[in-house]
Amino acid sequence: MMDYFNEQGYDMFDVTIFSCAEGARKPEQWIYKIALDRLQVMPRETVFIDDKEENIAAAVGLGIHGILFTSPGQVIKELIALPVNTVLELQSTP
């Protein structure tokens, strides 16, 4: 399975995390902790966007900003509505 994922050209992403390789999946908090660790960011510096409420709730439980996806426009509005200090932190994170 990982050969397939590696062939897909996910090099546009800083980090890729595949639940089948990690032995954890959403909404298990361990998968979010893996992401935070690999990205070297704090939960408050992070926004998690998903279309399932239980996955958002798990991320929010760790202190990650969560946005429940319903449409691209809605996500953009919610990102813009984040507190300014959060947006500045997000922009300054390498």
N, C-alpha and C. Protein backbone atom coordinates (compact mmCIF):
# COMPACT_ATOMS: atom_id res chain seq x y z
N MET A 1 0.81 -1.19 0.00
CA MET A 1 0.00 0.00 0.00
C MET A 1 0.86 1.26 0.00
N MET A 2 1.92 1.26 0.78
CA MET A 2 2.77 2.45 0.84
C MET A 2 3.44 2.73 -0.51
N ASP A 3 3.73 1.70 -1.28
CA ASP A 3 4.29 1.92 -2.61
C ASP A 3 3.33 2.76 -3.44
N TYR A 4 2.05 2.43 -3.36
CA TYR A 4 1.04 3.20 -4.08
C TYR A 4 1.05 4.66 -3.65
N PHE A 5 1.03 4.90 -2.33
CA PHE A 5 1.04 6.28 -1.84
C PHE A 5 2.29 7.02 -2.28
N ASN A 6 3.43 6.36 -2.21
CA ASN A 6 4.68 7.00 -2.60
C ASN A 6 4.72 7.35 -4.08
N GLU A 7 4.01 6.60 -4.91
CA GLU A 7 3.95 6.86 -6.35
C GLU A 7 3.03 8.02 -6.70
N GLN A 8 2.20 8.49 -5.77
CA GLN A 8 1.20 9.51 -6.07
C GLN A 8 1.75 10.92 -6.13
N GLY A 9 2.98 11.12 -5.73
CA GLY A 9 3.58 12.45 -5.83
C GLY A 9 3.05 13.45 -4.83
N TYR A 10 3.07 13.08 -3.56
CA TYR A 10 2.60 13.97 -2.51
C TYR A 10 3.68 14.95 -2.07
N ASP A 11 4.68 15.18 -2.91
CA ASP A 11 5.80 16.03 -2.52
C ASP A 11 5.42 17.50 -2.38
N MET A 12 4.19 17.87 -2.70
CA MET A 12 3.73 19.24 -2.49
C MET A 12 3.47 19.53 -1.02
N PHE A 13 3.40 18.47 -0.21
CA PHE A 13 3.13 18.62 1.22
C PHE A 13 4.43 18.57 2.01
N ASP A 14 4.49 19.34 3.09
CA ASP A 14 5.66 19.31 3.96
C ASP A 14 5.78 17.96 4.66
N VAL A 15 4.64 17.41 5.04
CA VAL A 15 4.60 16.14 5.77
C VAL A 15 3.41 15.34 5.26
N THR A 16 3.60 14.06 5.10
CA THR A 16 2.47 13.18 4.79
C THR A 16 2.39 12.12 5.88
N ILE A 17 1.18 11.85 6.32
CA ILE A 17 0.96 10.86 7.38
C ILE A 17 -0.14 9.93 6.91
N PHE A 18 0.18 8.66 6.82
CA PHE A 18 -0.79 7.67 6.37
C PHE A 18 -1.12 6.75 7.54
N SER A 19 -2.39 6.70 7.87
CA SER A 19 -2.82 5.93 9.04
C SER A 19 -2.39 4.47 8.94
N CYS A 20 -2.39 3.91 7.74
CA CYS A 20 -2.01 2.50 7.58
C CYS A 20 -0.55 2.28 7.97
N ALA A 21 0.29 3.29 7.81
CA ALA A 21 1.70 3.17 8.19
C ALA A 21 1.93 3.49 9.66
N GLU A 22 1.04 4.27 10.25
CA GLU A 22 1.22 4.72 11.63
C GLU A 22 0.55 3.82 12.65
N GLY A 23 -0.43 3.07 12.22
CA GLY A 23 -1.18 2.23 13.16
C GLY A 23 -2.13 3.04 14.02
N ALA A 24 -2.48 4.22 13.55
CA ALA A 24 -3.44 5.09 14.24
C ALA A 24 -4.23 5.83 13.18
N ARG A 25 -5.45 6.20 13.52
CA ARG A 25 -6.27 6.93 12.55
C ARG A 25 -7.19 7.89 13.28
N LYS A 26 -7.73 8.84 12.51
CA LYS A 26 -8.69 9.77 13.08
C LYS A 26 -9.91 8.98 13.53
N PRO A 27 -10.51 9.28 14.62
CA PRO A 27 -10.27 10.39 15.54
C PRO A 27 -9.34 10.05 16.72
N GLU A 28 -8.51 9.02 16.61
CA GLU A 28 -7.57 8.70 17.69
C GLU A 28 -6.59 9.85 17.85
N GLN A 29 -6.43 10.33 19.07
CA GLN A 29 -5.58 11.51 19.28
C GLN A 29 -4.12 11.27 18.89
N TRP A 30 -3.68 10.04 18.91
CA TRP A 30 -2.29 9.75 18.58
C TRP A 30 -1.94 10.24 17.17
N ILE A 31 -2.84 10.12 16.23
CA ILE A 31 -2.54 10.53 14.85
C ILE A 31 -2.33 12.05 14.77
N TYR A 32 -3.06 12.81 15.56
CA TYR A 32 -2.88 14.26 15.59
C TYR A 32 -1.55 14.61 16.25
N LYS A 33 -1.20 13.88 17.29
CA LYS A 33 0.09 14.11 17.97
C LYS A 33 1.26 13.81 17.04
N ILE A 34 1.11 12.79 16.21
CA ILE A 34 2.15 12.48 15.22
C ILE A 34 2.31 13.67 14.27
N ALA A 35 1.21 14.21 13.80
CA ALA A 35 1.26 15.35 12.88
C ALA A 35 1.93 16.56 13.53
N LEU A 36 1.53 16.87 14.76
CA LEU A 36 2.13 18.00 15.47
C LEU A 36 3.64 17.82 15.62
N ASP A 37 4.04 16.62 15.98
CA ASP A 37 5.45 16.32 16.17
C ASP A 37 6.23 16.45 14.87
N ARG A 38 5.72 15.88 13.81
CA ARG A 38 6.43 15.92 12.52
C ARG A 38 6.49 17.33 11.94
N LEU A 39 5.45 18.11 12.17
CA LEU A 39 5.44 19.49 11.69
C LEU A 39 6.17 20.44 12.64
N GLN A 40 6.48 19.95 13.85
CA GLN A 40 7.15 20.74 14.88
C GLN A 40 6.38 22.02 15.18
N VAL A 41 5.09 21.85 15.45
CA VAL A 41 4.21 22.97 15.78
C VAL A 41 3.44 22.65 17.06
N MET A 42 2.98 23.71 17.70
CA MET A 42 2.14 23.58 18.87
C MET A 42 0.68 23.49 18.41
N PRO A 43 -0.18 22.86 19.21
CA PRO A 43 -1.59 22.77 18.82
C PRO A 43 -2.22 24.13 18.50
N ARG A 44 -1.91 25.15 19.29
CA ARG A 44 -2.52 26.47 19.09
C ARG A 44 -2.09 27.12 17.77
N GLU A 45 -1.03 26.60 17.16
CA GLU A 45 -0.52 27.11 15.90
C GLU A 45 -1.10 26.37 14.70
N THR A 46 -2.03 25.47 14.97
CA THR A 46 -2.48 24.52 13.97
C THR A 46 -3.98 24.62 13.73
N VAL A 47 -4.37 24.45 12.48
CA VAL A 47 -5.79 24.39 12.11
C VAL A 47 -6.02 23.04 11.44
N PHE A 48 -7.02 22.33 11.92
CA PHE A 48 -7.40 21.04 11.33
C PHE A 48 -8.75 21.20 10.66
N ILE A 49 -8.83 20.85 9.39
CA ILE A 49 -10.06 20.95 8.62
C ILE A 49 -10.48 19.56 8.20
N ASP A 50 -11.74 19.21 8.48
CA ASP A 50 -12.23 17.87 8.15
C ASP A 50 -13.74 17.94 7.97
N ASP A 51 -14.31 16.93 7.36
CA ASP A 51 -15.75 16.91 7.14
C ASP A 51 -16.50 16.05 8.15
N LYS A 52 -15.81 15.57 9.17
CA LYS A 52 -16.45 14.75 10.19
C LYS A 52 -16.30 15.39 11.56
N GLU A 53 -17.44 15.58 12.23
CA GLU A 53 -17.43 16.26 13.54
C GLU A 53 -16.57 15.55 14.56
N GLU A 54 -16.58 14.21 14.58
CA GLU A 54 -15.80 13.47 15.58
C GLU A 54 -14.30 13.69 15.38
N ASN A 55 -13.86 13.87 14.15
CA ASN A 55 -12.44 14.15 13.90
C ASN A 55 -12.06 15.55 14.35
N ILE A 56 -12.95 16.50 14.13
CA ILE A 56 -12.73 17.87 14.60
C ILE A 56 -12.68 17.89 16.13
N ALA A 57 -13.61 17.20 16.77
CA ALA A 57 -13.66 17.18 18.23
C ALA A 57 -12.38 16.62 18.82
N ALA A 58 -11.82 15.59 18.21
CA ALA A 58 -10.57 15.01 18.72
C ALA A 58 -9.42 16.00 18.61
N ALA A 59 -9.35 16.72 17.50
CA ALA A 59 -8.29 17.72 17.31
C ALA A 59 -8.46 18.86 18.31
N VAL A 60 -9.68 19.35 18.46
CA VAL A 60 -9.96 20.44 19.39
C VAL A 60 -9.61 20.02 20.82
N GLY A 61 -9.82 18.74 21.12
CA GLY A 61 -9.47 18.22 22.45
C GLY A 61 -7.99 18.33 22.77
N LEU A 62 -7.16 18.45 21.75
CA LEU A 62 -5.72 18.63 21.93
C LEU A 62 -5.31 20.10 21.88
N GLY A 63 -6.26 20.99 21.64
CA GLY A 63 -5.95 22.41 21.56
C GLY A 63 -5.73 22.92 20.14
N ILE A 64 -6.03 22.08 19.15
CA ILE A 64 -5.91 22.46 17.75
C ILE A 64 -7.18 23.20 17.35
N HIS A 65 -7.04 24.23 16.53
CA HIS A 65 -8.22 24.91 15.99
C HIS A 65 -8.88 23.97 14.99
N GLY A 66 -10.18 23.78 15.10
CA GLY A 66 -10.89 22.87 14.21
C GLY A 66 -11.92 23.59 13.37
N ILE A 67 -11.99 23.22 12.11
CA ILE A 67 -13.00 23.75 11.20
C ILE A 67 -13.69 22.58 10.53
N LEU A 68 -15.00 22.50 10.70
CA LEU A 68 -15.80 21.47 10.05
C LEU A 68 -16.08 21.91 8.62
N PHE A 69 -15.58 21.17 7.66
CA PHE A 69 -15.73 21.53 6.24
C PHE A 69 -17.16 21.28 5.77
N THR A 70 -17.75 22.32 5.18
CA THR A 70 -19.02 22.15 4.47
C THR A 70 -18.89 22.68 3.04
N SER A 71 -18.02 23.68 2.83
CA SER A 71 -17.76 24.20 1.49
C SER A 71 -16.44 24.98 1.52
N PRO A 72 -15.81 25.14 0.37
CA PRO A 72 -14.57 25.93 0.35
C PRO A 72 -14.77 27.35 0.86
N GLY A 73 -15.87 27.99 0.47
CA GLY A 73 -16.13 29.35 0.92
C GLY A 73 -16.28 29.45 2.42
N GLN A 74 -16.97 28.50 3.01
CA GLN A 74 -17.17 28.48 4.46
C GLN A 74 -15.83 28.32 5.18
N VAL A 75 -14.96 27.45 4.67
CA VAL A 75 -13.64 27.26 5.29
C VAL A 75 -12.83 28.54 5.23
N ILE A 76 -12.86 29.20 4.09
CA ILE A 76 -12.13 30.47 3.94
C ILE A 76 -12.63 31.49 4.95
N LYS A 77 -13.95 31.60 5.10
CA LYS A 77 -14.52 32.55 6.07
C LYS A 77 -14.08 32.21 7.48
N GLU A 78 -14.08 30.94 7.83
CA GLU A 78 -13.68 30.56 9.19
C GLU A 78 -12.19 30.77 9.41
N LEU A 79 -11.38 30.54 8.40
CA LEU A 79 -9.95 30.82 8.54
C LEU A 79 -9.71 32.31 8.76
N ILE A 80 -10.41 33.13 8.00
CA ILE A 80 -10.27 34.59 8.15
C ILE A 80 -10.73 35.03 9.52
N ALA A 81 -11.72 34.35 10.09
CA ALA A 81 -12.27 34.74 11.38
C ALA A 81 -11.41 34.32 12.57
N LEU A 82 -10.37 33.53 12.34
CA LEU A 82 -9.51 33.14 13.45
C LEU A 82 -8.89 34.38 14.08
N PRO A 83 -8.62 34.33 15.37
CA PRO A 83 -7.99 35.49 16.02
C PRO A 83 -6.69 35.87 15.31
N VAL A 84 -6.42 37.17 15.24
CA VAL A 84 -5.25 37.68 14.51
C VAL A 84 -3.97 37.03 15.00
N ASN A 85 -3.81 36.85 16.30
CA ASN A 85 -2.57 36.26 16.80
C ASN A 85 -2.41 34.83 16.29
N THR A 86 -3.51 34.11 16.10
CA THR A 86 -3.44 32.76 15.55
C THR A 86 -2.99 32.81 14.10
N VAL A 87 -3.55 33.73 13.34
CA VAL A 87 -3.17 33.85 11.93
C VAL A 87 -1.71 34.23 11.81
N LEU A 88 -1.24 35.15 12.65
CA LEU A 88 0.17 35.53 12.61
C LEU A 88 1.06 34.36 12.98
N GLU A 89 0.66 33.57 13.99
CA GLU A 89 1.43 32.39 14.34
C GLU A 89 1.47 31.42 13.20
N LEU A 90 0.35 31.21 12.53
CA LEU A 90 0.30 30.28 11.40
C LEU A 90 1.19 30.74 10.27
N GLN A 91 1.20 32.05 9.99
CA GLN A 91 2.02 32.57 8.91
C GLN A 91 3.51 32.50 9.21
N SER A 92 3.87 32.59 10.47
CA SER A 92 5.28 32.60 10.82
C SER A 92 5.85 31.20 11.06
N THR A 93 4.99 30.19 11.06
CA THR A 93 5.46 28.83 11.27
C THR A 93 6.12 28.33 9.99
N PRO A 94 7.37 27.81 10.11
CA PRO A 94 8.07 27.34 8.90
C PRO A 94 7.40 26.14 8.27
